[in-house]
Each structure stands twice: as C-alpha cells, then as structure tokens.
Amino acid sequence: MNITEIMENLSKNQLLKPLLYRKEVIIEVSNNEMTFFFSLHEEGVFIVDDETSPNIRIRGKQNELIEIFTGKIKLQQSIKMGLIKFEGTYRSLLNLESILWMNSE
C-alpha cells in the first residue's frame, strides 16, 4: 500500500470524521529518502504539496512508517521501541494514533 492509497482510505472512512480536527493540522512524515506533508481536517485528509510549518513531525524508516500508517503497529508502541521519532503534543499523538488505528485494514 502506498501513501496515496492510505490518504484515500483515511478520507473515505466515515468513522474517522468525529476524530478529525476542526482546525487544519499539518503532519510531516519523513524517512531517509523522502519527506511529505499531509493535512488532517474535518473536511478530509489531503497531501500538501508545498512545505509548510508542521504541527506534528514523524521520522523513521520506511518499513516502520508503513506499519504505523496501515495499523499494524501502534504509534506509541513504535516510539517506545525507538523505531520512530515523534514531535508534537501528547494530545495530537493520541488523536493521530486513534485515527490510524481505526483506519487499519
């Protein structure tokens, strides 16, 4: 599953609507090879083309990032194991983890 498919699934999943933010939240996800930005908002989930100041940063190896975004491993679990780095508030961590977990396959 690639990032575009993950974003489409997040946007289509009606169960997630109550968890999405009223105010736009920009998330930066990066590994050694690439960085991308996406927006979580009550209107949906969108890939952001231009670099902007993110509210949340997630860094790690591609395999770990894919496991998080497909719900195979929880966000907090991968942070505790040292697989990824997370920058953001604890509240945003919990919210994002819930969104990703509920969107799992």
C-alpha atoms as a PDB file:
ATOM      1  CA  MET A   1       0.000   0.000   0.000  1.00  0.00           C
ATOM      2  CA  ASN A   2       1.408   3.396  -0.926  1.00  0.00           C
ATOM      3  CA  ILE A   3       0.866   6.754   0.737  1.00  0.00           C
ATOM      4  CA  THR A   4      -1.758   7.898  -1.768  1.00  0.00           C
ATOM      5  CA  GLU A   5      -3.891   4.831  -1.045  1.00  0.00           C
ATOM      6  CA  ILE A   6      -3.517   5.375   2.695  1.00  0.00           C
ATOM      7  CA  MET A   7      -4.628   9.012   2.375  1.00  0.00           C
ATOM      8  CA  GLU A   8      -7.615   7.995   0.222  1.00  0.00           C
ATOM      9  CA  ASN A   9      -8.659   5.404   2.810  1.00  0.00           C
ATOM     10  CA  LEU A  10      -8.389   7.995   5.585  1.00  0.00           C
ATOM     11  CA  SER A  11     -10.527  10.463   3.623  1.00  0.00           C
ATOM     12  CA  LYS A  12     -13.210   7.895   2.777  1.00  0.00           C
ATOM     13  CA  ASN A  13     -13.535   6.363   6.243  1.00  0.00           C
ATOM     14  CA  GLN A  14     -16.678   7.956   7.705  1.00  0.00           C
ATOM     15  CA  LEU A  15     -15.968   6.544  11.173  1.00  0.00           C
ATOM     16  CA  LEU A  16     -12.989   8.882  11.436  1.00  0.00           C
ATOM     17  CA  LYS A  17     -14.901  12.123  10.816  1.00  0.00           C
ATOM     18  CA  PRO A  18     -15.531  12.824  14.542  1.00  0.00           C
ATOM     19  CA  LEU A  19     -11.798  12.421  15.252  1.00  0.00           C
ATOM     20  CA  LEU A  20     -10.606  14.782  12.539  1.00  0.00           C
ATOM     21  CA  TYR A  21      -9.628  18.273  13.592  1.00  0.00           C
ATOM     22  CA  ARG A  22     -11.808  21.359  13.105  1.00  0.00           C
ATOM     23  CA  LYS A  23      -8.644  23.345  12.514  1.00  0.00           C
ATOM     24  CA  GLU A  24      -6.209  22.063   9.891  1.00  0.00           C
ATOM     25  CA  VAL A  25      -3.289  20.066  11.303  1.00  0.00           C
ATOM     26  CA  ILE A  26      -0.225  19.602   9.097  1.00  0.00           C
ATOM     27  CA  ILE A  27       1.780  16.420   9.580  1.00  0.00           C
ATOM     28  CA  GLU A  28       5.299  15.942   8.243  1.00  0.00           C
ATOM     29  CA  VAL A  29       6.374  12.351   7.645  1.00  0.00           C
ATOM     30  CA  SER A  30       9.949  11.632   6.636  1.00  0.00           C
ATOM     31  CA  ASN A  31      12.426   8.841   6.188  1.00  0.00           C
ATOM     32  CA  ASN A  32      15.949   8.840   4.765  1.00  0.00           C
ATOM     33  CA  GLU A  33      14.700   9.083   1.185  1.00  0.00           C
ATOM     34  CA  MET A  34      11.731  11.447   1.202  1.00  0.00           C
ATOM     35  CA  THR A  35       9.560  13.859   3.138  1.00  0.00           C
ATOM     36  CA  PHE A  36       5.891  14.528   2.560  1.00  0.00           C
ATOM     37  CA  PHE A  37       3.261  16.628   4.249  1.00  0.00           C
ATOM     38  CA  PHE A  38      -0.409  15.946   4.698  1.00  0.00           C
ATOM     39  CA  SER A  39      -3.299  17.786   6.223  1.00  0.00           C
ATOM     40  CA  LEU A  40      -5.865  16.358   8.620  1.00  0.00           C
ATOM     41  CA  HIS A  41      -9.037  18.396   8.704  1.00  0.00           C
ATOM     42  CA  GLU A  42     -12.714  17.730   9.321  1.00  0.00           C
ATOM     43  CA  GLU A  43     -13.233  18.059   5.563  1.00  0.00           C
ATOM     44  CA  GLY A  44     -10.802  15.218   4.872  1.00  0.00           C
ATOM     45  CA  VAL A  45      -7.197  14.172   4.561  1.00  0.00           C
ATOM     46  CA  PHE A  46      -5.060  15.738   1.864  1.00  0.00           C
ATOM     47  CA  ILE A  47      -1.468  15.576   0.712  1.00  0.00           C
ATOM     48  CA  VAL A  48       0.039  19.061   0.920  1.00  0.00           C
ATOM     49  CA  ASP A  49       2.316  19.955  -1.976  1.00  0.00           C
ATOM     50  CA  ASP A  50       4.178  22.913  -0.550  1.00  0.00           C
ATOM     51  CA  GLU A  51       6.392  22.690   2.508  1.00  0.00           C
ATOM     52  CA  THR A  52       4.746  24.356   5.440  1.00  0.00           C
ATOM     53  CA  SER A  53       5.320  24.516   9.157  1.00  0.00           C
ATOM     54  CA  PRO A  54       4.010  21.200  10.524  1.00  0.00           C
ATOM     55  CA  ASN A  55       2.147  20.723  13.793  1.00  0.00           C
ATOM     56  CA  ILE A  56       3.388  17.128  14.017  1.00  0.00           C
ATOM     57  CA  ARG A  57       6.610  15.502  12.782  1.00  0.00           C
ATOM     58  CA  ILE A  58       7.134  11.763  12.393  1.00  0.00           C
ATOM     59  CA  ARG A  59      10.514  10.384  11.341  1.00  0.00           C
ATOM     60  CA  GLY A  60      11.612   6.819  10.845  1.00  0.00           C
ATOM     61  CA  LYS A  61      12.465   4.082   8.408  1.00  0.00           C
ATOM     62  CA  GLN A  62      10.028   3.468   5.590  1.00  0.00           C
ATOM     63  CA  ASN A  63       9.009  -0.005   6.794  1.00  0.00           C
ATOM     64  CA  GLU A  64       8.128   1.249  10.281  1.00  0.00           C
ATOM     65  CA  LEU A  65       6.198   4.209   8.883  1.00  0.00           C
ATOM     66  CA  ILE A  66       4.170   1.917   6.628  1.00  0.00           C
ATOM     67  CA  GLU A  67       3.381  -0.368   9.573  1.00  0.00           C
ATOM     68  CA  ILE A  68       2.123   2.621  11.570  1.00  0.00           C
ATOM     69  CA  PHE A  69       0.032   4.059   8.751  1.00  0.00           C
ATOM     70  CA  THR A  70      -1.521   0.680   7.931  1.00  0.00           C
ATOM     71  CA  GLY A  71      -2.317  -0.013  11.595  1.00  0.00           C
ATOM     72  CA  LYS A  72      -0.003  -2.989  12.020  1.00  0.00           C
ATOM     73  CA  ILE A  73       1.744  -1.300  14.949  1.00  0.00           C
ATOM     74  CA  LYS A  74       0.563   1.488  17.228  1.00  0.00           C
ATOM     75  CA  LEU A  75       2.257   4.866  17.099  1.00  0.00           C
ATOM     76  CA  GLN A  76       3.131   4.940  20.816  1.00  0.00           C
ATOM     77  CA  GLN A  77       4.468   1.404  20.667  1.00  0.00           C
ATOM     78  CA  SER A  78       6.887   2.272  17.869  1.00  0.00           C
ATOM     79  CA  ILE A  79       8.036   5.385  19.750  1.00  0.00           C
ATOM     80  CA  LYS A  80       8.727   3.332  22.900  1.00  0.00           C
ATOM     81  CA  MET A  81      10.648   0.777  20.835  1.00  0.00           C
ATOM     82  CA  GLY A  82      12.743   3.583  19.333  1.00  0.00           C
ATOM     83  CA  LEU A  83      11.619   2.812  15.789  1.00  0.00           C
ATOM     84  CA  ILE A  84      10.422   6.346  15.061  1.00  0.00           C
ATOM     85  CA  LYS A  85      10.767   9.897  16.371  1.00  0.00           C
ATOM     86  CA  PHE A  86       7.652  11.941  17.108  1.00  0.00           C
ATOM     87  CA  GLU A  87       7.429  15.691  17.642  1.00  0.00           C
ATOM     88  CA  GLY A  88       4.102  17.122  18.713  1.00  0.00           C
ATOM     89  CA  THR A  89       1.800  17.320  21.696  1.00  0.00           C
ATOM     90  CA  TYR A  90       0.696  14.277  23.631  1.00  0.00           C
ATOM     91  CA  ARG A  91      -2.890  15.065  22.714  1.00  0.00           C
ATOM     92  CA  SER A  92      -2.029  15.076  18.994  1.00  0.00           C
ATOM     93  CA  LEU A  93      -0.161  11.791  19.452  1.00  0.00           C
ATOM     94  CA  LEU A  94      -3.231  10.128  20.966  1.00  0.00           C
ATOM     95  CA  ASN A  95      -5.563  11.552  18.349  1.00  0.00           C
ATOM     96  CA  LEU A  96      -3.357  10.570  15.410  1.00  0.00           C
ATOM     97  CA  GLU A  97      -2.832   7.100  16.857  1.00  0.00           C
ATOM     98  CA  SER A  98      -6.615   6.650  17.149  1.00  0.00           C
ATOM     99  CA  ILE A  99      -7.169   7.807  13.579  1.00  0.00           C
ATOM    100  CA  LEU A 100      -4.514   5.490  12.169  1.00  0.00           C
ATOM    101  CA  TRP A 101      -5.594   2.534  14.290  1.00  0.00           C
ATOM    102  CA  MET A 102      -9.261   2.902  13.313  1.00  0.00           C
ATOM    103  CA  ASN A 103      -8.244   3.093   9.667  1.00  0.00           C
ATOM    104  CA  SER A 104      -6.272  -0.165   9.803  1.00  0.00           C
ATOM    105  CA  GLU A 105      -7.075  -2.904   7.331  1.00  0.00           C
END
